[in-house]
């Protein structure tokens, strides 16, 4: 399935990743009027961005990219620590 509003295109992926099942089962959908899962978003059919879910109502839209990998969290923690270290170095200089 595909939705187009130039220059944007939303294309649904037919596959369901096992890692995304927890996201689907734990989402609070009471507030939203609609939801799409496994969406590839394109601008001018280039620059693909993947979303695990897009939720919306009359007032807002929520774009979700779900990560449950411990490696991702470890990399984020390392990045945060490096940013703190950089800020401390800049304060000394």
C-alpha atoms as a PDB file:
ATOM      1  CA  UNK A   1       0.000   0.000   0.000  1.00  0.00           C
ATOM      2  CA  UNK A   2       1.242   3.491  -0.802  1.00  0.00           C
ATOM      3  CA  UNK A   3       0.113   7.003   0.166  1.00  0.00           C
ATOM      4  CA  UNK A   4       1.276  10.037  -1.841  1.00  0.00           C
ATOM      5  CA  UNK A   5       1.158  13.743  -1.144  1.00  0.00           C
ATOM      6  CA  UNK A   6       3.829  15.357  -3.289  1.00  0.00           C
ATOM      7  CA  UNK A   7       6.728  15.448  -2.610  1.00  0.00           C
ATOM      8  CA  UNK A   8       6.197  12.754   0.078  1.00  0.00           C
ATOM      9  CA  UNK A   9       5.356   9.064  -0.293  1.00  0.00           C
ATOM     10  CA  UNK A  10       4.588   6.592   2.482  1.00  0.00           C
ATOM     11  CA  UNK A  11       5.019   2.945   1.528  1.00  0.00           C
ATOM     12  CA  UNK A  12       4.090   0.107   3.872  1.00  0.00           C
ATOM     13  CA  UNK A  13       6.491  -2.807   4.315  1.00  0.00           C
ATOM     14  CA  UNK A  14       4.767  -6.202   4.319  1.00  0.00           C
ATOM     15  CA  UNK A  15       7.174  -7.822   6.797  1.00  0.00           C
ATOM     16  CA  UNK A  16       6.876  -7.765  10.579  1.00  0.00           C
ATOM     17  CA  UNK A  17      10.132  -7.876  12.535  1.00  0.00           C
ATOM     18  CA  UNK A  18      10.056 -10.110  15.617  1.00  0.00           C
ATOM     19  CA  UNK A  19      11.757  -7.347  17.605  1.00  0.00           C
ATOM     20  CA  UNK A  20       8.812  -5.011  16.857  1.00  0.00           C
ATOM     21  CA  UNK A  21       6.146  -7.292  18.331  1.00  0.00           C
ATOM     22  CA  UNK A  22       6.781  -5.936  21.846  1.00  0.00           C
ATOM     23  CA  UNK A  23       6.285  -2.396  20.541  1.00  0.00           C
ATOM     24  CA  UNK A  24       2.969  -3.304  18.932  1.00  0.00           C
ATOM     25  CA  UNK A  25       1.623  -5.094  21.976  1.00  0.00           C
ATOM     26  CA  UNK A  26       2.595  -2.282  24.386  1.00  0.00           C
ATOM     27  CA  UNK A  27       1.521   0.796  22.423  1.00  0.00           C
ATOM     28  CA  UNK A  28      -1.251   2.914  23.915  1.00  0.00           C
ATOM     29  CA  UNK A  29      -3.539   3.448  20.927  1.00  0.00           C
ATOM     30  CA  UNK A  30      -6.482   4.917  22.869  1.00  0.00           C
ATOM     31  CA  UNK A  31      -5.559   8.508  21.997  1.00  0.00           C
ATOM     32  CA  UNK A  32      -5.095   8.047  18.255  1.00  0.00           C
ATOM     33  CA  UNK A  33      -7.500   7.819  15.354  1.00  0.00           C
ATOM     34  CA  UNK A  34      -5.147   5.814  13.151  1.00  0.00           C
ATOM     35  CA  UNK A  35      -1.892   3.902  13.042  1.00  0.00           C
ATOM     36  CA  UNK A  36       0.407   2.569  10.330  1.00  0.00           C
ATOM     37  CA  UNK A  37       3.104   0.006  11.042  1.00  0.00           C
ATOM     38  CA  UNK A  38       6.334  -0.642   9.087  1.00  0.00           C
ATOM     39  CA  UNK A  39       6.392   2.532   7.017  1.00  0.00           C
ATOM     40  CA  UNK A  40       9.065   3.673   4.580  1.00  0.00           C
ATOM     41  CA  UNK A  41       8.849   7.430   4.022  1.00  0.00           C
ATOM     42  CA  UNK A  42      10.360   9.041   0.933  1.00  0.00           C
ATOM     43  CA  UNK A  43      10.755  12.641  -0.174  1.00  0.00           C
ATOM     44  CA  UNK A  44      10.801  12.799  -3.993  1.00  0.00           C
ATOM     45  CA  UNK A  45      11.280   9.002  -3.912  1.00  0.00           C
ATOM     46  CA  UNK A  46      14.741   9.486  -2.382  1.00  0.00           C
ATOM     47  CA  UNK A  47      16.096   9.808   1.151  1.00  0.00           C
ATOM     48  CA  UNK A  48      14.231   6.849   2.615  1.00  0.00           C
ATOM     49  CA  UNK A  49      13.412   7.010   6.315  1.00  0.00           C
ATOM     50  CA  UNK A  50      11.957   3.977   8.091  1.00  0.00           C
ATOM     51  CA  UNK A  51       9.408   4.173  10.893  1.00  0.00           C
ATOM     52  CA  UNK A  52       8.111   1.242  12.904  1.00  0.00           C
ATOM     53  CA  UNK A  53       4.857   3.104  13.549  1.00  0.00           C
ATOM     54  CA  UNK A  54       3.090   6.344  12.697  1.00  0.00           C
ATOM     55  CA  UNK A  55       0.208   7.273  15.003  1.00  0.00           C
ATOM     56  CA  UNK A  56      -2.120  10.255  14.629  1.00  0.00           C
ATOM     57  CA  UNK A  57      -5.263  12.028  15.725  1.00  0.00           C
ATOM     58  CA  UNK A  58      -6.813  15.371  14.729  1.00  0.00           C
ATOM     59  CA  UNK A  59      -4.173  17.342  16.649  1.00  0.00           C
ATOM     60  CA  UNK A  60      -0.883  15.470  16.397  1.00  0.00           C
ATOM     61  CA  UNK A  61       1.245  12.826  14.709  1.00  0.00           C
ATOM     62  CA  UNK A  62       3.823  10.587  16.373  1.00  0.00           C
ATOM     63  CA  UNK A  63       6.616   8.924  14.363  1.00  0.00           C
ATOM     64  CA  UNK A  64       8.260   5.963  16.126  1.00  0.00           C
ATOM     65  CA  UNK A  65      11.508   4.168  15.343  1.00  0.00           C
ATOM     66  CA  UNK A  66      11.776   1.390  17.921  1.00  0.00           C
ATOM     67  CA  UNK A  67      15.137  -0.001  19.040  1.00  0.00           C
ATOM     68  CA  UNK A  68      15.377  -2.787  21.585  1.00  0.00           C
ATOM     69  CA  UNK A  69      18.970  -3.827  21.040  1.00  0.00           C
ATOM     70  CA  UNK A  70      21.338  -3.610  24.041  1.00  0.00           C
ATOM     71  CA  UNK A  71      24.113  -2.650  21.609  1.00  0.00           C
ATOM     72  CA  UNK A  72      22.168   0.480  20.587  1.00  0.00           C
ATOM     73  CA  UNK A  73      21.760   1.515  24.227  1.00  0.00           C
ATOM     74  CA  UNK A  74      25.448   0.920  24.913  1.00  0.00           C
ATOM     75  CA  UNK A  75      26.435   3.093  21.945  1.00  0.00           C
ATOM     76  CA  UNK A  76      24.087   5.847  23.122  1.00  0.00           C
ATOM     77  CA  UNK A  77      25.595   5.749  26.625  1.00  0.00           C
ATOM     78  CA  UNK A  78      29.123   5.929  25.224  1.00  0.00           C
ATOM     79  CA  UNK A  79      28.117   8.862  23.027  1.00  0.00           C
ATOM     80  CA  UNK A  80      26.598  10.696  26.003  1.00  0.00           C
ATOM     81  CA  UNK A  81      29.754  10.098  28.051  1.00  0.00           C
ATOM     82  CA  UNK A  82      31.913  11.421  25.212  1.00  0.00           C
ATOM     83  CA  UNK A  83      29.749  14.540  24.948  1.00  0.00           C
ATOM     84  CA  UNK A  84      30.090  15.153  28.701  1.00  0.00           C
ATOM     85  CA  UNK A  85      33.854  14.701  28.436  1.00  0.00           C
ATOM     86  CA  UNK A  86      33.991  17.108  25.462  1.00  0.00           C
ATOM     87  CA  UNK A  87      32.051  19.729  27.445  1.00  0.00           C
ATOM     88  CA  UNK A  88      34.442  19.394  30.399  1.00  0.00           C
ATOM     89  CA  UNK A  89      37.452  19.791  28.104  1.00  0.00           C
ATOM     90  CA  UNK A  90      35.916  22.896  26.536  1.00  0.00           C
ATOM     91  CA  UNK A  91      35.323  24.389  30.001  1.00  0.00           C
ATOM     92  CA  UNK A  92      39.002  23.883  30.912  1.00  0.00           C
ATOM     93  CA  UNK A  93      40.181  25.513  27.695  1.00  0.00           C
END
